[in-house]
């Protein structure tokens, strides 16, 4: 099947929890902004997919300057982000063709593996949805109303991105009004009654959140030859 492919990289928030005024997607890692490494992770799709980058309106100028400074020339469309991740993705969907396949990926997850990408694409082609997950490796407890109890970690999975969907499924889901429970695309799609199909993610595919994560990413990029 030769469906058109779209890759949406979502960096619509301010992302300043790392400290300082620089959003985390622009922090330098191994000599260039983090977000450029995320683009590099999708190298198997260069020339085969259309890329959309969702950014806060106030950061679009900074990104254009960074592209010039670092010679970043991969063709991509810049989309203005919204007040929440939900609204940012919804803005990007306005540029997605019908009857296509759509990757939606956190722009600060530069370590997604090629295997995860290709497996998710294959499952989405068959079932219409593909959500990468990894096992929970530590003991977990449920806390509710001040009471906590142990739960079986084998019944839980950690959810990653990219989440891959047929565009018709994703666009239909995003016709709904926003809810606080819409923390990722899987939650939005699931709320319509659409079954979700899970695929193995890769444990290294962390979402950069804290300052220490940058060193981890730099080490892994060097180990895989992507620095």
C-alpha atoms as a PDB file:
ATOM      1  CA  UNK A   1       0.000   0.000   0.000  1.00  0.00           C
ATOM      2  CA  UNK A   2       1.273   3.486  -0.883  1.00  0.00           C
ATOM      3  CA  UNK A   3      -0.612   5.769   1.476  1.00  0.00           C
ATOM      4  CA  UNK A   4       0.796   9.230   1.929  1.00  0.00           C
ATOM      5  CA  UNK A   5       2.742   9.587   5.174  1.00  0.00           C
ATOM      6  CA  UNK A   6       2.734  12.569   7.506  1.00  0.00           C
ATOM      7  CA  UNK A   7       5.018  12.995  10.508  1.00  0.00           C
ATOM      8  CA  UNK A   8       3.850  15.531  13.093  1.00  0.00           C
ATOM      9  CA  UNK A   9       6.487  16.570  15.642  1.00  0.00           C
ATOM     10  CA  UNK A  10       4.796  18.303  18.554  1.00  0.00           C
ATOM     11  CA  UNK A  11       6.746  20.975  20.430  1.00  0.00           C
ATOM     12  CA  UNK A  12       3.825  23.278  21.114  1.00  0.00           C
ATOM     13  CA  UNK A  13       4.579  23.973  24.776  1.00  0.00           C
ATOM     14  CA  UNK A  14       7.121  26.278  26.386  1.00  0.00           C
ATOM     15  CA  UNK A  15       9.075  23.333  27.788  1.00  0.00           C
ATOM     16  CA  UNK A  16      11.151  25.314  30.300  1.00  0.00           C
ATOM     17  CA  UNK A  17      11.254  22.798  33.165  1.00  0.00           C
ATOM     18  CA  UNK A  18      14.925  22.156  32.413  1.00  0.00           C
ATOM     19  CA  UNK A  19      15.634  25.616  33.758  1.00  0.00           C
ATOM     20  CA  UNK A  20      16.512  28.883  32.063  1.00  0.00           C
ATOM     21  CA  UNK A  21      14.619  30.606  29.285  1.00  0.00           C
ATOM     22  CA  UNK A  22      15.427  28.144  26.504  1.00  0.00           C
ATOM     23  CA  UNK A  23      12.623  25.680  25.715  1.00  0.00           C
ATOM     24  CA  UNK A  24      13.869  22.119  26.073  1.00  0.00           C
ATOM     25  CA  UNK A  25      13.413  21.326  22.388  1.00  0.00           C
ATOM     26  CA  UNK A  26      16.123  23.895  21.602  1.00  0.00           C
ATOM     27  CA  UNK A  27      18.743  22.842  24.174  1.00  0.00           C
ATOM     28  CA  UNK A  28      22.029  21.881  22.565  1.00  0.00           C
ATOM     29  CA  UNK A  29      22.845  18.175  22.619  1.00  0.00           C
ATOM     30  CA  UNK A  30      25.868  16.731  20.822  1.00  0.00           C
ATOM     31  CA  UNK A  31      26.419  19.996  18.994  1.00  0.00           C
ATOM     32  CA  UNK A  32      22.940  20.901  17.789  1.00  0.00           C
ATOM     33  CA  UNK A  33      19.429  21.570  19.092  1.00  0.00           C
ATOM     34  CA  UNK A  34      17.650  18.542  20.552  1.00  0.00           C
ATOM     35  CA  UNK A  35      14.765  18.811  18.112  1.00  0.00           C
ATOM     36  CA  UNK A  36      17.103  18.316  15.145  1.00  0.00           C
ATOM     37  CA  UNK A  37      18.128  14.940  16.563  1.00  0.00           C
ATOM     38  CA  UNK A  38      14.438  14.034  16.682  1.00  0.00           C
ATOM     39  CA  UNK A  39      14.131  14.831  12.995  1.00  0.00           C
ATOM     40  CA  UNK A  40      17.201  12.631  12.409  1.00  0.00           C
ATOM     41  CA  UNK A  41      15.462   9.692  14.097  1.00  0.00           C
ATOM     42  CA  UNK A  42      12.958   9.739  11.228  1.00  0.00           C
ATOM     43  CA  UNK A  43      15.680   9.448   8.581  1.00  0.00           C
ATOM     44  CA  UNK A  44      14.081   6.269   7.119  1.00  0.00           C
ATOM     45  CA  UNK A  45      11.205   8.519   6.006  1.00  0.00           C
ATOM     46  CA  UNK A  46      13.200  11.398   4.511  1.00  0.00           C
ATOM     47  CA  UNK A  47      11.856  11.977   1.026  1.00  0.00           C
ATOM     48  CA  UNK A  48       8.930   9.630   1.706  1.00  0.00           C
ATOM     49  CA  UNK A  49       6.845  11.621   4.211  1.00  0.00           C
ATOM     50  CA  UNK A  50       5.744  15.187   4.810  1.00  0.00           C
ATOM     51  CA  UNK A  51       6.993  16.678   8.084  1.00  0.00           C
ATOM     52  CA  UNK A  52       5.020  19.130  10.204  1.00  0.00           C
ATOM     53  CA  UNK A  53       6.623  20.820  13.211  1.00  0.00           C
ATOM     54  CA  UNK A  54       4.266  22.342  15.787  1.00  0.00           C
ATOM     55  CA  UNK A  55       5.808  25.233  17.730  1.00  0.00           C
ATOM     56  CA  UNK A  56       4.585  28.006  20.014  1.00  0.00           C
ATOM     57  CA  UNK A  57       3.988  31.120  17.941  1.00  0.00           C
ATOM     58  CA  UNK A  58       6.609  33.026  19.929  1.00  0.00           C
ATOM     59  CA  UNK A  59       9.279  30.381  19.167  1.00  0.00           C
ATOM     60  CA  UNK A  60       8.860  30.157  15.400  1.00  0.00           C
ATOM     61  CA  UNK A  61      11.355  32.956  14.773  1.00  0.00           C
ATOM     62  CA  UNK A  62      13.932  31.316  17.042  1.00  0.00           C
ATOM     63  CA  UNK A  63      13.531  28.027  15.174  1.00  0.00           C
ATOM     64  CA  UNK A  64      14.065  29.695  11.799  1.00  0.00           C
ATOM     65  CA  UNK A  65      17.258  31.295  13.091  1.00  0.00           C
ATOM     66  CA  UNK A  66      18.479  27.936  14.413  1.00  0.00           C
ATOM     67  CA  UNK A  67      17.812  26.303  11.049  1.00  0.00           C
ATOM     68  CA  UNK A  68      19.976  28.950   9.405  1.00  0.00           C
ATOM     69  CA  UNK A  69      22.709  28.701  12.054  1.00  0.00           C
ATOM     70  CA  UNK A  70      22.968  24.907  11.884  1.00  0.00           C
ATOM     71  CA  UNK A  71      22.320  24.456   8.179  1.00  0.00           C
ATOM     72  CA  UNK A  72      19.130  22.495   8.798  1.00  0.00           C
ATOM     73  CA  UNK A  73      17.379  22.202   5.458  1.00  0.00           C
ATOM     74  CA  UNK A  74      15.030  19.210   5.732  1.00  0.00           C
ATOM     75  CA  UNK A  75      11.727  20.342   4.169  1.00  0.00           C
ATOM     76  CA  UNK A  76       8.996  20.772   6.781  1.00  0.00           C
ATOM     77  CA  UNK A  77       5.904  22.861   7.460  1.00  0.00           C
ATOM     78  CA  UNK A  78       5.761  24.952  10.629  1.00  0.00           C
ATOM     79  CA  UNK A  79       2.403  24.893  12.428  1.00  0.00           C
ATOM     80  CA  UNK A  80       1.492  27.276  15.234  1.00  0.00           C
ATOM     81  CA  UNK A  81       0.748  25.432  18.483  1.00  0.00           C
ATOM     82  CA  UNK A  82      -2.266  25.858  20.722  1.00  0.00           C
ATOM     83  CA  UNK A  83      -2.869  26.198  24.468  1.00  0.00           C
ATOM     84  CA  UNK A  84      -2.655  22.411  25.035  1.00  0.00           C
ATOM     85  CA  UNK A  85      -1.138  19.431  23.251  1.00  0.00           C
ATOM     86  CA  UNK A  86      -4.632  18.557  22.035  1.00  0.00           C
ATOM     87  CA  UNK A  87      -5.039  21.930  20.356  1.00  0.00           C
ATOM     88  CA  UNK A  88      -1.531  21.768  18.875  1.00  0.00           C
ATOM     89  CA  UNK A  89      -2.205  18.418  17.220  1.00  0.00           C
ATOM     90  CA  UNK A  90      -5.604  19.620  16.048  1.00  0.00           C
ATOM     91  CA  UNK A  91      -3.945  22.593  14.359  1.00  0.00           C
ATOM     92  CA  UNK A  92      -1.584  20.238  12.522  1.00  0.00           C
ATOM     93  CA  UNK A  93      -4.427  18.037  11.329  1.00  0.00           C
ATOM     94  CA  UNK A  94      -5.689  20.891   9.162  1.00  0.00           C
ATOM     95  CA  UNK A  95      -2.701  20.191   6.891  1.00  0.00           C
ATOM     96  CA  UNK A  96      -3.075  16.391   6.778  1.00  0.00           C
ATOM     97  CA  UNK A  97      -4.487  14.727   3.692  1.00  0.00           C
ATOM     98  CA  UNK A  98      -7.400  12.320   3.911  1.00  0.00           C
ATOM     99  CA  UNK A  99      -6.646   8.613   3.463  1.00  0.00           C
ATOM    100  CA  UNK A 100      -3.103   8.964   4.760  1.00  0.00           C
ATOM    101  CA  UNK A 101      -1.130   7.604   7.718  1.00  0.00           C
ATOM    102  CA  UNK A 102      -0.044   9.993  10.453  1.00  0.00           C
ATOM    103  CA  UNK A 103       2.779   9.711  12.987  1.00  0.00           C
ATOM    104  CA  UNK A 104       2.345  12.025  15.990  1.00  0.00           C
ATOM    105  CA  UNK A 105       5.553  12.276  17.988  1.00  0.00           C
ATOM    106  CA  UNK A 106       6.845  14.293  20.926  1.00  0.00           C
ATOM    107  CA  UNK A 107       9.606  16.500  19.524  1.00  0.00           C
ATOM    108  CA  UNK A 108      11.695  15.868  22.663  1.00  0.00           C
ATOM    109  CA  UNK A 109      11.909  12.098  22.132  1.00  0.00           C
ATOM    110  CA  UNK A 110      15.014  11.888  19.919  1.00  0.00           C
ATOM    111  CA  UNK A 111      15.860   8.261  20.766  1.00  0.00           C
ATOM    112  CA  UNK A 112      12.968   6.439  19.136  1.00  0.00           C
ATOM    113  CA  UNK A 113      14.375   3.464  17.257  1.00  0.00           C
ATOM    114  CA  UNK A 114      13.917   2.580  13.608  1.00  0.00           C
ATOM    115  CA  UNK A 115      12.384  -0.740  14.680  1.00  0.00           C
ATOM    116  CA  UNK A 116       9.732   1.076  16.723  1.00  0.00           C
ATOM    117  CA  UNK A 117       8.945   3.366  13.794  1.00  0.00           C
ATOM    118  CA  UNK A 118       8.633   0.583  11.253  1.00  0.00           C
ATOM    119  CA  UNK A 119       6.692  -1.739  13.559  1.00  0.00           C
ATOM    120  CA  UNK A 120       4.223   1.018  14.424  1.00  0.00           C
ATOM    121  CA  UNK A 121       3.738   1.856  10.764  1.00  0.00           C
ATOM    122  CA  UNK A 122       3.068  -1.779   9.897  1.00  0.00           C
ATOM    123  CA  UNK A 123       0.502  -2.218  12.690  1.00  0.00           C
ATOM    124  CA  UNK A 124      -1.242   1.055  11.803  1.00  0.00           C
ATOM    125  CA  UNK A 125      -1.505  -0.027   8.172  1.00  0.00           C
ATOM    126  CA  UNK A 126      -3.252  -3.207   9.258  1.00  0.00           C
ATOM    127  CA  UNK A 127      -5.391  -1.988  12.165  1.00  0.00           C
ATOM    128  CA  UNK A 128      -5.596   1.791  11.784  1.00  0.00           C
ATOM    129  CA  UNK A 129      -3.884   2.535  15.111  1.00  0.00           C
ATOM    130  CA  UNK A 130      -0.510   1.758  16.684  1.00  0.00           C
ATOM    131  CA  UNK A 131       0.596   2.828  20.163  1.00  0.00           C
ATOM    132  CA  UNK A 132       4.191   2.006  21.244  1.00  0.00           C
ATOM    133  CA  UNK A 133       4.486   0.822  24.835  1.00  0.00           C
ATOM    134  CA  UNK A 134       7.151  -0.611  27.139  1.00  0.00           C
ATOM    135  CA  UNK A 135       6.760  -2.723  30.295  1.00  0.00           C
ATOM    136  CA  UNK A 136       6.778  -1.157  33.745  1.00  0.00           C
ATOM    137  CA  UNK A 137      10.025  -2.283  35.362  1.00  0.00           C
ATOM    138  CA  UNK A 138       9.547  -0.981  38.910  1.00  0.00           C
ATOM    139  CA  UNK A 139       6.977  -1.794  41.555  1.00  0.00           C
ATOM    140  CA  UNK A 140       3.997   0.544  41.475  1.00  0.00           C
ATOM    141  CA  UNK A 141       1.272   1.453  43.927  1.00  0.00           C
ATOM    142  CA  UNK A 142      -2.170   2.921  43.387  1.00  0.00           C
ATOM    143  CA  UNK A 143      -2.993   5.950  45.541  1.00  0.00           C
ATOM    144  CA  UNK A 144      -6.616   6.989  45.961  1.00  0.00           C
ATOM    145  CA  UNK A 145      -8.272   9.084  48.660  1.00  0.00           C
ATOM    146  CA  UNK A 146      -5.228   8.793  50.890  1.00  0.00           C
ATOM    147  CA  UNK A 147      -5.136   4.987  50.622  1.00  0.00           C
ATOM    148  CA  UNK A 148      -2.389   3.168  48.702  1.00  0.00           C
ATOM    149  CA  UNK A 149      -2.109  -0.415  47.577  1.00  0.00           C
ATOM    150  CA  UNK A 150       0.217  -2.554  45.527  1.00  0.00           C
ATOM    151  CA  UNK A 151      -0.877  -3.397  41.986  1.00  0.00           C
ATOM    152  CA  UNK A 152       0.428  -5.937  39.509  1.00  0.00           C
ATOM    153  CA  UNK A 153       2.861  -4.095  37.234  1.00  0.00           C
ATOM    154  CA  UNK A 154       2.458  -6.821  34.583  1.00  0.00           C
ATOM    155  CA  UNK A 155      -0.988  -5.375  33.876  1.00  0.00           C
ATOM    156  CA  UNK A 156       0.424  -1.934  32.999  1.00  0.00           C
ATOM    157  CA  UNK A 157       2.496  -0.432  30.200  1.00  0.00           C
ATOM    158  CA  UNK A 158       4.279   2.895  29.773  1.00  0.00           C
ATOM    159  CA  UNK A 159       3.030   4.722  26.693  1.00  0.00           C
ATOM    160  CA  UNK A 160       5.399   6.350  24.211  1.00  0.00           C
ATOM    161  CA  UNK A 161       5.234   8.138  20.891  1.00  0.00           C
ATOM    162  CA  UNK A 162       5.080   8.159  17.904  1.00  0.00           C
ATOM    163  CA  UNK A 163       1.475   7.078  17.904  1.00  0.00           C
ATOM    164  CA  UNK A 164       0.376   6.219  14.381  1.00  0.00           C
ATOM    165  CA  UNK A 165      -3.140   6.434  12.970  1.00  0.00           C
ATOM    166  CA  UNK A 166      -5.060   6.398   9.758  1.00  0.00           C
ATOM    167  CA  UNK A 167      -5.902  10.034   9.171  1.00  0.00           C
ATOM    168  CA  UNK A 168      -9.653   9.400   9.050  1.00  0.00           C
ATOM    169  CA  UNK A 169      -9.609   7.881  12.532  1.00  0.00           C
ATOM    170  CA  UNK A 170      -7.498  10.699  13.971  1.00  0.00           C
ATOM    171  CA  UNK A 171      -9.419  13.531  12.320  1.00  0.00           C
ATOM    172  CA  UNK A 172     -12.751  12.111  13.458  1.00  0.00           C
ATOM    173  CA  UNK A 173     -11.480  11.866  17.041  1.00  0.00           C
ATOM    174  CA  UNK A 174     -10.317  15.481  17.001  1.00  0.00           C
ATOM    175  CA  UNK A 175     -13.785  16.733  16.113  1.00  0.00           C
ATOM    176  CA  UNK A 176     -14.577  16.319  19.818  1.00  0.00           C
ATOM    177  CA  UNK A 177     -14.362  19.155  22.273  1.00  0.00           C
ATOM    178  CA  UNK A 178     -11.290  19.225  24.482  1.00  0.00           C
ATOM    179  CA  UNK A 179     -11.267  17.333  27.795  1.00  0.00           C
ATOM    180  CA  UNK A 180      -8.619  17.315  30.532  1.00  0.00           C
ATOM    181  CA  UNK A 181      -8.273  13.548  30.043  1.00  0.00           C
ATOM    182  CA  UNK A 182      -6.899  14.060  26.519  1.00  0.00           C
ATOM    183  CA  UNK A 183      -3.225  13.774  27.493  1.00  0.00           C
ATOM    184  CA  UNK A 184      -2.174  12.071  24.265  1.00  0.00           C
ATOM    185  CA  UNK A 185      -3.623  11.061  20.915  1.00  0.00           C
ATOM    186  CA  UNK A 186      -4.393   7.548  22.129  1.00  0.00           C
ATOM    187  CA  UNK A 187      -6.732   8.966  24.771  1.00  0.00           C
ATOM    188  CA  UNK A 188      -8.481  11.158  22.207  1.00  0.00           C
ATOM    189  CA  UNK A 189      -8.977   8.281  19.763  1.00  0.00           C
ATOM    190  CA  UNK A 190      -9.962   5.777  22.462  1.00  0.00           C
ATOM    191  CA  UNK A 191     -12.756   8.084  23.660  1.00  0.00           C
ATOM    192  CA  UNK A 192     -14.545   7.530  20.342  1.00  0.00           C
ATOM    193  CA  UNK A 193     -14.714   3.776  20.946  1.00  0.00           C
ATOM    194  CA  UNK A 194     -11.944   3.031  18.461  1.00  0.00           C
ATOM    195  CA  UNK A 195      -9.797   0.031  19.546  1.00  0.00           C
ATOM    196  CA  UNK A 196      -6.113   0.761  20.109  1.00  0.00           C
ATOM    197  CA  UNK A 197      -3.428  -1.665  18.987  1.00  0.00           C
ATOM    198  CA  UNK A 198      -0.204  -1.799  20.977  1.00  0.00           C
ATOM    199  CA  UNK A 199       3.277  -2.308  19.581  1.00  0.00           C
ATOM    200  CA  UNK A 200       6.599  -2.746  21.363  1.00  0.00           C
ATOM    201  CA  UNK A 201       8.416   0.525  21.906  1.00  0.00           C
ATOM    202  CA  UNK A 202      12.077   0.904  22.828  1.00  0.00           C
ATOM    203  CA  UNK A 203      13.057   1.674  26.439  1.00  0.00           C
ATOM    204  CA  UNK A 204      15.575   4.337  25.396  1.00  0.00           C
ATOM    205  CA  UNK A 205      12.793   6.430  23.867  1.00  0.00           C
ATOM    206  CA  UNK A 206      12.419   8.765  26.820  1.00  0.00           C
ATOM    207  CA  UNK A 207      10.685  12.131  26.774  1.00  0.00           C
ATOM    208  CA  UNK A 208      13.293  14.706  27.794  1.00  0.00           C
ATOM    209  CA  UNK A 209      11.912  16.427  30.876  1.00  0.00           C
ATOM    210  CA  UNK A 210      14.733  17.053  33.360  1.00  0.00           C
ATOM    211  CA  UNK A 211      18.264  18.412  32.969  1.00  0.00           C
ATOM    212  CA  UNK A 212      19.804  14.986  33.580  1.00  0.00           C
ATOM    213  CA  UNK A 213      17.931  13.600  30.592  1.00  0.00           C
ATOM    214  CA  UNK A 214      20.103  15.658  28.243  1.00  0.00           C
ATOM    215  CA  UNK A 215      23.262  13.819  29.307  1.00  0.00           C
ATOM    216  CA  UNK A 216      21.498  10.487  28.868  1.00  0.00           C
ATOM    217  CA  UNK A 217      20.441  11.442  25.359  1.00  0.00           C
ATOM    218  CA  UNK A 218      23.929  12.630  24.435  1.00  0.00           C
ATOM    219  CA  UNK A 219      25.455   9.352  25.671  1.00  0.00           C
ATOM    220  CA  UNK A 220      22.965   7.250  23.724  1.00  0.00           C
ATOM    221  CA  UNK A 221      23.385   9.309  20.560  1.00  0.00           C
ATOM    222  CA  UNK A 222      27.137   8.748  20.740  1.00  0.00           C
ATOM    223  CA  UNK A 223      26.671   5.019  21.365  1.00  0.00           C
ATOM    224  CA  UNK A 224      24.456   4.682  18.306  1.00  0.00           C
ATOM    225  CA  UNK A 225      26.611   6.865  16.070  1.00  0.00           C
ATOM    226  CA  UNK A 226      23.964   9.580  15.723  1.00  0.00           C
ATOM    227  CA  UNK A 227      25.866  12.396  17.444  1.00  0.00           C
END
